[in-house]
Amino acid sequence: MKKNIVAYALLLSLAAAPAALAADLAGGTLTGSVAATSDYVFRGVTQTDGDAAVQAGLTWSYESGVYVSAWGSNVDFNDDESNLEADFTLGWSGSADNISYGASVIYYAYPGVPGRFDYNYVEASANIAIDLGVVKPVAAIYYSPDFFGTEDDALYLTAGFTAPVTDSLRLFANLGYQDYCSATKDVTDWNAGFVWSLGGFDLDLRYVDTNAGYLGRLADERVVATVSRSF
């Protein structure tokens, strides 16, 4: 019930947006992506019980920086109920000189899962990146008033960088900290790897690990390979 109230409030706020924004929604650019990954890992924790996933997304963006998107993936939480995640995002991005920034509201939905699991939730985020040429530092903050399966608020902080090696190869590394704002144990996760672009496809290969030993094999260290294509 709590997360439904939050979602309805967000929808009402969108309905009350300025007329200029409403007019801007009449045009835009549609882009999309498809991907296959050896393991869907979210903040260091597998969402597919270590198995592969197929993912796809669509984004409608506007010159003002406003965008809306939908994204989906198969999941497996070993509960005999969950098999799909669908994320819906309303966001805005902008830039000034070599600094880019943005904010968004994301609704994570798990169709078909009974409400007693309390999986669906809303999360707000803000991010910033600085392009220094040889390296691009990035940072983001996420907040949810009713995080996945916890009935409590949660804060996630992440920082890292990307570094171009050639026109088709770039390195990256990220560190994240999930604070559940309750008795639930916090989690620190980290990953590093590279993205190689070839023939219109991107190969993402990364090493992922966490300090969440209490989650067992769900948060063990692993290497994840993902092949994606944008259109």
Protein backbone atom coordinates (compact mmCIF):
# COMPACT_ATOMS: atom_id res chain seq x y z
CA MET A 1 0.00 0.00 0.00
CA LYS A 2 2.82 2.40 0.90
CA LYS A 3 4.55 2.01 -2.46
CA ASN A 4 1.23 2.38 -4.32
CA ILE A 5 0.63 5.73 -2.62
CA VAL A 6 4.12 6.87 -3.68
CA ALA A 7 3.54 5.73 -7.27
CA TYR A 8 0.17 7.52 -7.44
CA ALA A 9 1.72 10.69 -6.05
CA LEU A 10 4.39 10.58 -8.75
CA LEU A 11 1.75 10.13 -11.45
CA LEU A 12 -0.23 13.07 -10.08
CA SER A 13 2.87 15.27 -10.07
CA LEU A 14 3.48 14.37 -13.73
CA ALA A 15 -0.11 15.23 -14.59
CA ALA A 16 0.45 18.67 -13.06
CA ALA A 17 3.60 19.36 -15.13
CA PRO A 18 3.88 22.72 -16.89
CA ALA A 19 2.13 23.11 -20.24
CA ALA A 20 5.49 23.59 -21.97
CA LEU A 21 6.58 20.13 -20.89
CA ALA A 22 3.31 18.60 -22.03
CA ALA A 23 3.76 20.19 -25.46
CA ASP A 24 7.30 18.80 -25.68
CA LEU A 25 5.98 15.25 -25.28
CA ALA A 26 4.42 15.47 -28.75
CA GLY A 27 7.82 14.89 -30.39
CA GLY A 28 10.98 13.00 -29.64
CA THR A 29 13.39 10.28 -30.68
CA LEU A 30 12.91 6.56 -30.11
CA THR A 31 15.94 4.38 -29.37
CA GLY A 32 16.25 0.86 -28.08
CA SER A 33 18.58 -1.92 -27.06
CA VAL A 34 18.68 -5.69 -26.77
CA ALA A 35 21.14 -7.72 -24.71
CA ALA A 36 22.07 -11.22 -23.64
CA THR A 37 24.03 -11.64 -20.42
CA SER A 38 25.55 -14.63 -18.65
CA ASP A 39 24.07 -13.43 -15.33
CA TYR A 40 21.78 -10.52 -14.47
CA VAL A 41 23.59 -8.90 -11.53
CA PHE A 42 22.09 -5.88 -9.75
CA ARG A 43 24.31 -4.07 -7.24
CA GLY A 44 26.48 -7.13 -6.85
CA VAL A 45 23.64 -9.63 -6.34
CA THR A 46 22.43 -12.06 -9.01
CA GLN A 47 18.79 -11.64 -10.03
CA THR A 48 18.69 -14.87 -12.04
CA ASP A 49 20.20 -17.34 -9.56
CA GLY A 50 23.43 -17.27 -11.55
CA ASP A 51 21.76 -18.07 -14.87
CA ALA A 52 21.66 -16.15 -18.15
CA ALA A 53 19.19 -13.39 -19.00
CA VAL A 54 17.76 -11.74 -22.10
CA GLN A 55 16.99 -8.04 -21.80
CA ALA A 56 15.47 -5.30 -23.93
CA GLY A 57 14.58 -1.64 -23.56
CA LEU A 58 13.03 1.33 -25.36
CA THR A 59 13.62 5.04 -24.67
CA TRP A 60 11.71 8.03 -25.98
CA SER A 61 13.78 11.19 -25.53
CA TYR A 62 13.27 14.88 -26.24
CA GLU A 63 15.45 17.87 -27.04
CA SER A 64 14.67 19.33 -23.61
CA GLY A 65 16.48 16.39 -21.99
CA VAL A 66 13.29 14.71 -20.77
CA TYR A 67 12.99 11.00 -21.49
CA VAL A 68 10.77 8.04 -20.69
CA SER A 69 11.87 4.44 -20.94
CA ALA A 70 10.78 0.85 -20.40
CA TRP A 71 13.16 -2.04 -19.81
CA GLY A 72 12.68 -5.72 -19.07
CA SER A 73 14.60 -8.84 -18.10
CA ASN A 74 13.90 -12.36 -16.94
CA VAL A 75 14.61 -12.97 -13.24
CA ASP A 76 14.66 -15.92 -10.84
CA PHE A 77 14.45 -15.42 -7.06
CA ASN A 78 13.83 -19.10 -6.22
CA ASP A 79 10.30 -18.28 -4.99
CA ASP A 80 8.34 -20.12 -7.73
CA GLU A 81 6.62 -16.81 -8.52
CA SER A 82 9.01 -14.32 -10.13
CA ASN A 83 10.19 -14.61 -13.72
CA LEU A 84 10.06 -11.07 -15.10
CA GLU A 85 11.23 -7.60 -14.11
CA ALA A 86 9.88 -4.53 -15.90
CA ASP A 87 11.32 -1.08 -15.13
CA PHE A 88 9.65 2.19 -16.14
CA THR A 89 11.62 5.45 -15.94
CA LEU A 90 10.84 9.14 -16.22
CA GLY A 91 14.01 11.21 -16.30
CA TRP A 92 15.85 14.31 -17.40
CA SER A 93 19.45 14.84 -18.43
CA GLY A 94 21.51 17.90 -19.28
CA SER A 95 25.06 19.10 -19.72
CA ALA A 96 27.25 22.17 -19.38
CA ASP A 97 30.75 22.24 -20.83
CA ASN A 98 32.32 18.89 -19.83
CA ILE A 99 29.81 18.15 -17.05
CA SER A 100 26.70 16.03 -17.60
CA TYR A 101 23.99 15.42 -15.03
CA GLY A 102 20.51 14.04 -14.65
CA ALA A 103 17.70 12.85 -12.41
CA SER A 104 15.04 10.18 -12.71
CA VAL A 105 12.23 8.28 -11.05
CA ILE A 106 12.14 4.52 -11.66
CA TYR A 107 9.32 2.09 -10.96
CA TYR A 108 10.48 -1.52 -10.65
CA ALA A 109 7.66 -3.99 -11.30
CA TYR A 110 7.53 -7.79 -11.07
CA PRO A 111 4.37 -8.85 -12.94
CA GLY A 112 2.52 -11.86 -11.58
CA VAL A 113 4.25 -11.85 -8.18
CA PRO A 114 1.78 -11.80 -5.24
CA GLY A 115 1.70 -8.57 -3.26
CA ARG A 116 2.78 -10.32 -0.07
CA PHE A 117 6.32 -10.51 -1.47
CA ASP A 118 6.48 -6.69 -1.55
CA TYR A 119 8.78 -6.69 -4.59
CA ASN A 120 7.51 -3.66 -6.55
CA TYR A 121 9.06 -0.35 -5.54
CA VAL A 122 9.85 3.22 -6.62
CA GLU A 123 13.32 4.76 -6.61
CA ALA A 124 14.52 8.31 -7.31
CA SER A 125 18.03 9.04 -8.54
CA ALA A 126 20.45 11.83 -9.40
CA ASN A 127 23.77 11.51 -11.23
CA ILE A 128 26.74 13.55 -12.42
CA ALA A 129 29.74 12.87 -14.68
CA ILE A 130 32.77 14.96 -15.62
CA ASP A 131 34.54 14.31 -18.91
CA LEU A 132 38.26 14.94 -18.37
CA GLY A 133 39.28 13.42 -21.69
CA VAL A 134 41.50 10.60 -20.46
CA VAL A 135 39.01 9.63 -17.74
CA LYS A 136 35.36 10.30 -16.91
CA PRO A 137 34.47 10.18 -13.18
CA VAL A 138 30.82 9.37 -12.47
CA ALA A 139 28.70 9.36 -9.32
CA ALA A 140 25.04 8.72 -8.51
CA ILE A 141 22.65 8.51 -5.58
CA TYR A 142 19.42 6.46 -5.41
CA TYR A 143 16.68 6.60 -2.79
CA SER A 144 13.63 4.38 -2.30
CA PRO A 145 10.95 4.92 0.38
CA ASP A 146 10.00 1.22 0.25
CA PHE A 147 12.83 -0.87 -1.17
CA PHE A 148 12.51 -4.32 -2.74
CA GLY A 149 11.08 -6.79 -0.24
CA THR A 150 11.99 -4.74 2.88
CA GLU A 151 9.06 -2.40 3.70
CA ASP A 152 11.70 0.18 4.57
CA ASP A 153 13.57 3.02 2.89
CA ALA A 154 16.98 2.48 1.31
CA LEU A 155 19.83 4.59 -0.02
CA TYR A 156 22.35 3.53 -2.66
CA LEU A 157 25.54 5.48 -3.41
CA THR A 158 27.85 4.67 -6.30
CA ALA A 159 30.98 6.22 -7.79
CA GLY A 160 33.42 5.16 -10.46
CA PHE A 161 34.97 6.05 -13.79
CA THR A 162 35.20 5.15 -17.44
CA ALA A 163 38.41 5.59 -19.43
CA PRO A 164 38.70 5.33 -23.23
CA VAL A 165 41.63 3.26 -24.48
CA THR A 166 40.77 3.39 -28.19
CA ASP A 167 37.71 4.46 -30.19
CA SER A 168 36.23 1.00 -29.63
CA LEU A 169 37.55 0.04 -26.19
CA ARG A 170 36.97 1.62 -22.79
CA LEU A 171 37.72 0.53 -19.25
CA PHE A 172 35.52 1.10 -16.20
CA ALA A 173 35.32 0.50 -12.46
CA ASN A 174 32.58 1.21 -9.91
CA LEU A 175 32.07 1.04 -6.15
CA GLY A 176 28.61 0.99 -4.59
CA TYR A 177 27.15 1.07 -1.09
CA GLN A 178 23.59 -0.05 -0.30
CA ASP A 179 22.25 1.32 2.99
CA TYR A 180 18.93 -0.29 3.90
CA CYS A 181 18.21 2.26 6.68
CA SER A 182 17.03 -0.58 8.94
CA ALA A 183 18.28 -3.70 10.70
CA THR A 184 18.94 -5.31 7.31
CA LYS A 185 22.68 -5.62 6.73
CA ASP A 186 24.18 -3.05 4.36
CA VAL A 187 26.04 -4.20 1.25
CA THR A 188 29.14 -2.85 -0.49
CA ASP A 189 29.66 -3.98 -4.09
CA TRP A 190 32.33 -3.33 -6.68
CA ASN A 191 32.97 -4.19 -10.31
CA ALA A 192 35.56 -3.51 -12.98
CA GLY A 193 36.01 -4.48 -16.61
CA PHE A 194 35.84 -3.23 -20.17
CA VAL A 195 33.44 -2.56 -23.02
CA TRP A 196 34.56 -3.43 -26.54
CA SER A 197 32.50 -2.17 -29.48
CA LEU A 198 32.66 -4.09 -32.74
CA GLY A 199 30.36 -4.23 -35.75
CA GLY A 200 27.51 -2.45 -33.99
CA PHE A 201 27.66 -4.74 -30.94
CA ASP A 202 29.08 -4.05 -27.47
CA LEU A 203 30.82 -6.73 -25.41
CA ASP A 204 30.82 -5.94 -21.69
CA LEU A 205 33.07 -8.16 -19.59
CA ARG A 206 33.32 -7.43 -15.86
CA TYR A 207 34.40 -8.85 -12.53
CA VAL A 208 31.78 -8.37 -9.78
CA ASP A 209 31.99 -8.93 -6.01
CA THR A 210 30.42 -7.83 -2.71
CA ASN A 211 30.98 -8.06 1.03
CA ALA A 212 27.54 -9.68 1.51
CA GLY A 213 28.70 -13.09 2.66
CA TYR A 214 25.39 -13.60 4.49
CA LEU A 215 23.66 -13.85 1.08
CA GLY A 216 25.78 -16.87 0.14
CA ARG A 217 26.25 -17.72 -3.52
CA LEU A 218 23.77 -14.99 -4.58
CA ALA A 219 26.44 -12.35 -3.87
CA ASP A 220 29.59 -14.35 -4.57
CA GLU A 221 32.32 -12.99 -6.81
CA ARG A 222 31.75 -13.70 -10.49
CA VAL A 223 32.65 -12.73 -14.03
CA VAL A 224 29.75 -11.50 -16.14
CA ALA A 225 29.72 -11.26 -19.94
CA THR A 226 27.09 -9.26 -21.79
CA VAL A 227 26.57 -8.72 -25.52
CA SER A 228 24.27 -5.86 -26.50
CA ARG A 229 23.18 -3.88 -29.52
CA SER A 230 21.56 -0.44 -29.61
CA PHE A 231 19.33 0.85 -32.39
